[in-house]
PDB file of N, CA and C in Angstrom:
ATOM      1  N   UNK A   1       1.401   0.590  -2.894  1.00  0.00           N
ATOM      2  CA  UNK A   1       1.458   0.531  -1.325  1.00  0.00           C
ATOM      3  C   UNK A   1       3.232   0.460  -1.205  1.00  0.00           C
ATOM      4  N   UNK A   2       4.011   0.505  -0.197  1.00  0.00           N
ATOM      5  CA  UNK A   2       5.082   0.568   0.388  1.00  0.00           C
ATOM      6  C   UNK A   2       5.884  -0.859  -0.007  1.00  0.00           C
ATOM      7  N   UNK A   3       6.996  -0.824  -0.237  1.00  0.00           N
ATOM      8  CA  UNK A   3       7.767  -2.102  -0.530  1.00  0.00           C
ATOM      9  C   UNK A   3       7.985  -2.789   0.725  1.00  0.00           C
ATOM     10  N   UNK A   4       7.656  -4.018   0.776  1.00  0.00           N
ATOM     11  CA  UNK A   4       7.662  -4.791   1.950  1.00  0.00           C
ATOM     12  C   UNK A   4       9.344  -4.966   2.587  1.00  0.00           C
ATOM     13  N   UNK A   5      10.164  -4.792   1.293  1.00  0.00           N
ATOM     14  CA  UNK A   5      11.680  -4.977   1.870  1.00  0.00           C
ATOM     15  C   UNK A   5      11.892  -3.608   2.600  1.00  0.00           C
ATOM     16  N   UNK A   6      11.493  -2.528   2.123  1.00  0.00           N
ATOM     17  CA  UNK A   6      11.877  -1.301   2.778  1.00  0.00           C
ATOM     18  C   UNK A   6      11.231  -1.192   4.157  1.00  0.00           C
ATOM     19  N   UNK A   7      10.119  -1.740   4.508  1.00  0.00           N
ATOM     20  CA  UNK A   7       9.367  -1.977   5.714  1.00  0.00           C
ATOM     21  C   UNK A   7      10.295  -2.835   6.530  1.00  0.00           C
ATOM     22  N   UNK A   8      10.806  -3.966   6.137  1.00  0.00           N
ATOM     23  CA  UNK A   8      11.536  -4.900   6.776  1.00  0.00           C
ATOM     24  C   UNK A   8      12.696  -4.385   7.146  1.00  0.00           C
ATOM     25  N   UNK A   9      13.459  -3.378   6.487  1.00  0.00           N
ATOM     26  CA  UNK A   9      14.686  -2.960   6.853  1.00  0.00           C
ATOM     27  C   UNK A   9      14.456  -1.978   7.885  1.00  0.00           C
ATOM     28  N   UNK A  10      13.387  -1.187   7.857  1.00  0.00           N
ATOM     29  CA  UNK A  10      13.225  -0.263   8.872  1.00  0.00           C
ATOM     30  C   UNK A  10      12.957  -0.729  10.266  1.00  0.00           C
ATOM     31  N   UNK A  11      12.121  -2.124  10.185  1.00  0.00           N
ATOM     32  CA  UNK A  11      11.636  -2.610  11.400  1.00  0.00           C
ATOM     33  C   UNK A  11      13.149  -3.314  11.953  1.00  0.00           C
ATOM     34  N   UNK A  12      14.008  -3.852  11.064  1.00  0.00           N
ATOM     35  CA  UNK A  12      15.160  -4.358  11.714  1.00  0.00           C
ATOM     36  C   UNK A  12      16.067  -3.515  12.504  1.00  0.00           C
ATOM     37  N   UNK A  13      16.146  -2.072  11.709  1.00  0.00           N
ATOM     38  CA  UNK A  13      16.889  -1.149  12.289  1.00  0.00           C
ATOM     39  C   UNK A  13      16.276  -0.694  13.636  1.00  0.00           C
ATOM     40  N   UNK A  14      14.962  -0.368  13.682  1.00  0.00           N
ATOM     41  CA  UNK A  14      14.490   0.072  14.876  1.00  0.00           C
ATOM     42  C   UNK A  14      14.672  -0.906  16.005  1.00  0.00           C
ATOM     43  N   UNK A  15      14.209  -2.220  15.778  1.00  0.00           N
ATOM     44  CA  UNK A  15      14.289  -3.393  16.704  1.00  0.00           C
ATOM     45  C   UNK A  15      15.768  -3.422  17.128  1.00  0.00           C
ATOM     46  N   UNK A  16      16.841  -3.358  16.347  1.00  0.00           N
ATOM     47  CA  UNK A  16      18.180  -3.491  16.787  1.00  0.00           C
ATOM     48  C   UNK A  16      18.752  -2.351  17.429  1.00  0.00           C
ATOM     49  N   UNK A  17      18.305  -0.966  17.283  1.00  0.00           N
ATOM     50  CA  UNK A  17      18.826   0.049  17.626  1.00  0.00           C
ATOM     51  C   UNK A  17      18.120   0.962  18.704  1.00  0.00           C
ATOM     52  N   UNK A  18      16.865   0.596  19.143  1.00  0.00           N
ATOM     53  CA  UNK A  18      16.066   1.502  20.132  1.00  0.00           C
ATOM     54  C   UNK A  18      15.259   0.436  21.126  1.00  0.00           C
ATOM     55  N   UNK A  19      15.060   0.817  21.985  1.00  0.00           N
ATOM     56  CA  UNK A  19      14.565   0.186  23.230  1.00  0.00           C
ATOM     57  C   UNK A  19      12.971  -0.031  22.788  1.00  0.00           C
ATOM     58  N   UNK A  20      12.622  -1.321  23.388  1.00  0.00           N
ATOM     59  CA  UNK A  20      11.243  -1.706  22.859  1.00  0.00           C
ATOM     60  C   UNK A  20      10.143  -0.529  23.552  1.00  0.00           C
ATOM     61  N   UNK A  21      10.376   0.070  24.356  1.00  0.00           N
ATOM     62  CA  UNK A  21       9.227   1.169  24.826  1.00  0.00           C
ATOM     63  C   UNK A  21       9.650   2.618  24.211  1.00  0.00           C
ATOM     64  N   UNK A  22      10.802   2.712  23.402  1.00  0.00           N
ATOM     65  CA  UNK A  22      11.083   4.112  22.963  1.00  0.00           C
ATOM     66  C   UNK A  22      10.035   4.532  21.843  1.00  0.00           C
ATOM     67  N   UNK A  23       9.967   5.825  22.030  1.00  0.00           N
ATOM     68  CA  UNK A  23       8.943   6.483  20.995  1.00  0.00           C
ATOM     69  C   UNK A  23       9.412   6.237  19.624  1.00  0.00           C
ATOM     70  N   UNK A  24      10.848   6.159  19.457  1.00  0.00           N
ATOM     71  CA  UNK A  24      11.015   5.961  17.987  1.00  0.00           C
ATOM     72  C   UNK A  24      11.280   4.552  17.614  1.00  0.00           C
ATOM     73  N   UNK A  25      10.961   3.720  18.352  1.00  0.00           N
ATOM     74  CA  UNK A  25      11.109   2.282  18.180  1.00  0.00           C
ATOM     75  C   UNK A  25      10.145   2.052  16.854  1.00  0.00           C
ATOM     76  N   UNK A  26      10.005   0.687  16.426  1.00  0.00           N
ATOM     77  CA  UNK A  26       9.313   0.311  15.153  1.00  0.00           C
ATOM     78  C   UNK A  26       7.772   0.225  15.445  1.00  0.00           C
ATOM     79  N   UNK A  27       7.383   0.005  16.652  1.00  0.00           N
ATOM     80  CA  UNK A  27       5.988  -0.133  17.080  1.00  0.00           C
ATOM     81  C   UNK A  27       5.340   1.257  16.705  1.00  0.00           C
ATOM     82  N   UNK A  28       6.193   2.503  17.222  1.00  0.00           N
ATOM     83  CA  UNK A  28       5.577   3.815  16.963  1.00  0.00           C
ATOM     84  C   UNK A  28       5.732   4.116  15.347  1.00  0.00           C
ATOM     85  N   UNK A  29       6.782   3.571  14.782  1.00  0.00           N
ATOM     86  CA  UNK A  29       6.905   4.020  13.389  1.00  0.00           C
ATOM     87  C   UNK A  29       5.811   3.307  12.478  1.00  0.00           C
ATOM     88  N   UNK A  30       5.540   2.038  12.830  1.00  0.00           N
ATOM     89  CA  UNK A  30       4.247   1.517  12.296  1.00  0.00           C
ATOM     90  C   UNK A  30       2.911   2.004  12.522  1.00  0.00           C
ATOM     91  N   UNK A  31       2.762   2.497  13.734  1.00  0.00           N
ATOM     92  CA  UNK A  31       1.431   3.061  14.031  1.00  0.00           C
ATOM     93  C   UNK A  31       1.263   4.476  13.241  1.00  0.00           C
ATOM     94  N   UNK A  32       2.388   5.285  13.170  1.00  0.00           N
ATOM     95  CA  UNK A  32       2.446   6.396  12.284  1.00  0.00           C
ATOM     96  C   UNK A  32       2.204   5.909  10.856  1.00  0.00           C
ATOM     97  N   UNK A  33       2.732   5.058  10.485  1.00  0.00           N
ATOM     98  CA  UNK A  33       2.581   4.520   9.029  1.00  0.00           C
ATOM     99  C   UNK A  33       1.335   4.162   8.502  1.00  0.00           C
ATOM    100  N   UNK A  34       0.715   3.598   9.593  1.00  0.00           N
ATOM    101  CA  UNK A  34      -0.697   2.992   9.370  1.00  0.00           C
ATOM    102  C   UNK A  34      -1.734   4.306   9.379  1.00  0.00           C
ATOM    103  N   UNK A  35      -1.508   5.084  10.367  1.00  0.00           N
ATOM    104  CA  UNK A  35      -2.014   6.431  10.441  1.00  0.00           C
ATOM    105  C   UNK A  35      -2.183   7.118   9.156  1.00  0.00           C
ATOM    106  N   UNK A  36      -1.164   7.603   8.452  1.00  0.00           N
ATOM    107  CA  UNK A  36      -0.704   8.114   7.270  1.00  0.00           C
ATOM    108  C   UNK A  36      -1.569   7.139   6.142  1.00  0.00           C
ATOM    109  N   UNK A  37      -1.648   5.838   6.152  1.00  0.00           N
ATOM    110  CA  UNK A  37      -2.286   5.208   5.097  1.00  0.00           C
ATOM    111  C   UNK A  37      -3.644   5.419   5.102  1.00  0.00           C
ATOM    112  N   UNK A  38      -4.076   5.151   6.451  1.00  0.00           N
ATOM    113  CA  UNK A  38      -5.428   5.522   6.896  1.00  0.00           C
ATOM    114  C   UNK A  38      -6.045   6.933   6.096  1.00  0.00           C
ATOM    115  N   UNK A  39      -5.407   8.075   6.619  1.00  0.00           N
ATOM    116  CA  UNK A  39      -5.579   9.250   5.962  1.00  0.00           C
ATOM    117  C   UNK A  39      -5.574   9.396   4.677  1.00  0.00           C
ATOM    118  N   UNK A  40      -4.504   8.849   4.134  1.00  0.00           N
ATOM    119  CA  UNK A  40      -4.445   9.045   2.636  1.00  0.00           C
ATOM    120  C   UNK A  40      -5.591   8.244   1.925  1.00  0.00           C
ATOM    121  N   UNK A  41      -5.945   6.885   2.391  1.00  0.00           N
ATOM    122  CA  UNK A  41      -7.348   6.238   1.731  1.00  0.00           C
ATOM    123  C   UNK A  41      -8.453   7.054   1.896  1.00  0.00           C
ATOM    124  N   UNK A  42      -8.678   7.544   2.942  1.00  0.00           N
ATOM    125  CA  UNK A  42      -9.972   8.398   3.306  1.00  0.00           C
ATOM    126  C   UNK A  42      -9.893   9.686   2.461  1.00  0.00           C
ATOM    127  N   UNK A  43      -8.851  10.279   2.191  1.00  0.00           N
ATOM    128  CA  UNK A  43      -8.691  11.519   1.264  1.00  0.00           C
ATOM    129  C   UNK A  43      -9.043  11.193  -0.086  1.00  0.00           C
ATOM    130  N   UNK A  44      -8.567   9.990  -0.615  1.00  0.00           N
ATOM    131  CA  UNK A  44      -8.639   9.549  -1.632  1.00  0.00           C
ATOM    132  C   UNK A  44     -10.343   9.086  -2.214  1.00  0.00           C
ATOM    133  N   UNK A  45     -10.777   8.392  -1.111  1.00  0.00           N
ATOM    134  CA  UNK A  45     -12.360   8.275  -1.260  1.00  0.00           C
ATOM    135  C   UNK A  45     -12.929   9.491  -1.289  1.00  0.00           C
ATOM    136  N   UNK A  46     -12.730  10.614  -0.331  1.00  0.00           N
ATOM    137  CA  UNK A  46     -13.284  11.761  -0.445  1.00  0.00           C
ATOM    138  C   UNK A  46     -13.341  12.451  -1.658  1.00  0.00           C
ATOM    139  N   UNK A  47     -12.058  12.372  -2.352  1.00  0.00           N
ATOM    140  CA  UNK A  47     -12.100  12.938  -3.413  1.00  0.00           C
ATOM    141  C   UNK A  47     -12.819  12.436  -4.723  1.00  0.00           C
ATOM    142  N   UNK A  48     -12.921  10.994  -4.563  1.00  0.00           N
ATOM    143  CA  UNK A  48     -13.504  10.488  -5.730  1.00  0.00           C
ATOM    144  C   UNK A  48     -15.363  10.758  -5.474  1.00  0.00           C
ATOM    145  N   UNK A  49     -15.601  10.584  -4.430  1.00  0.00           N
ATOM    146  CA  UNK A  49     -17.109  10.846  -4.353  1.00  0.00           C
ATOM    147  C   UNK A  49     -17.318  12.618  -4.491  1.00  0.00           C
ATOM    148  N   UNK A  50     -16.657  13.289  -4.424  1.00  0.00           N
ATOM    149  CA  UNK A  50     -16.680  14.748  -4.693  1.00  0.00           C
ATOM    150  C   UNK A  50     -16.272  15.359  -5.804  1.00  0.00           C
ATOM    151  N   UNK A  51     -15.996  14.485  -6.912  1.00  0.00           N
ATOM    152  CA  UNK A  51     -15.520  14.894  -8.049  1.00  0.00           C
ATOM    153  C   UNK A  51     -16.241  14.906  -9.186  1.00  0.00           C
TER     154      UNK A  51
END
């Protein structure tokens, strides 16, 4: 999984530099990150079942 230190630095940068409602703010970044994690997990389980 991702290093929490990296996530903390990205969150601090986003909160310090972008408006709360900005599409590039951390809330958007976190939503995209969670989506990619979910897609990767689903793909991994699919590959396990079909191998």
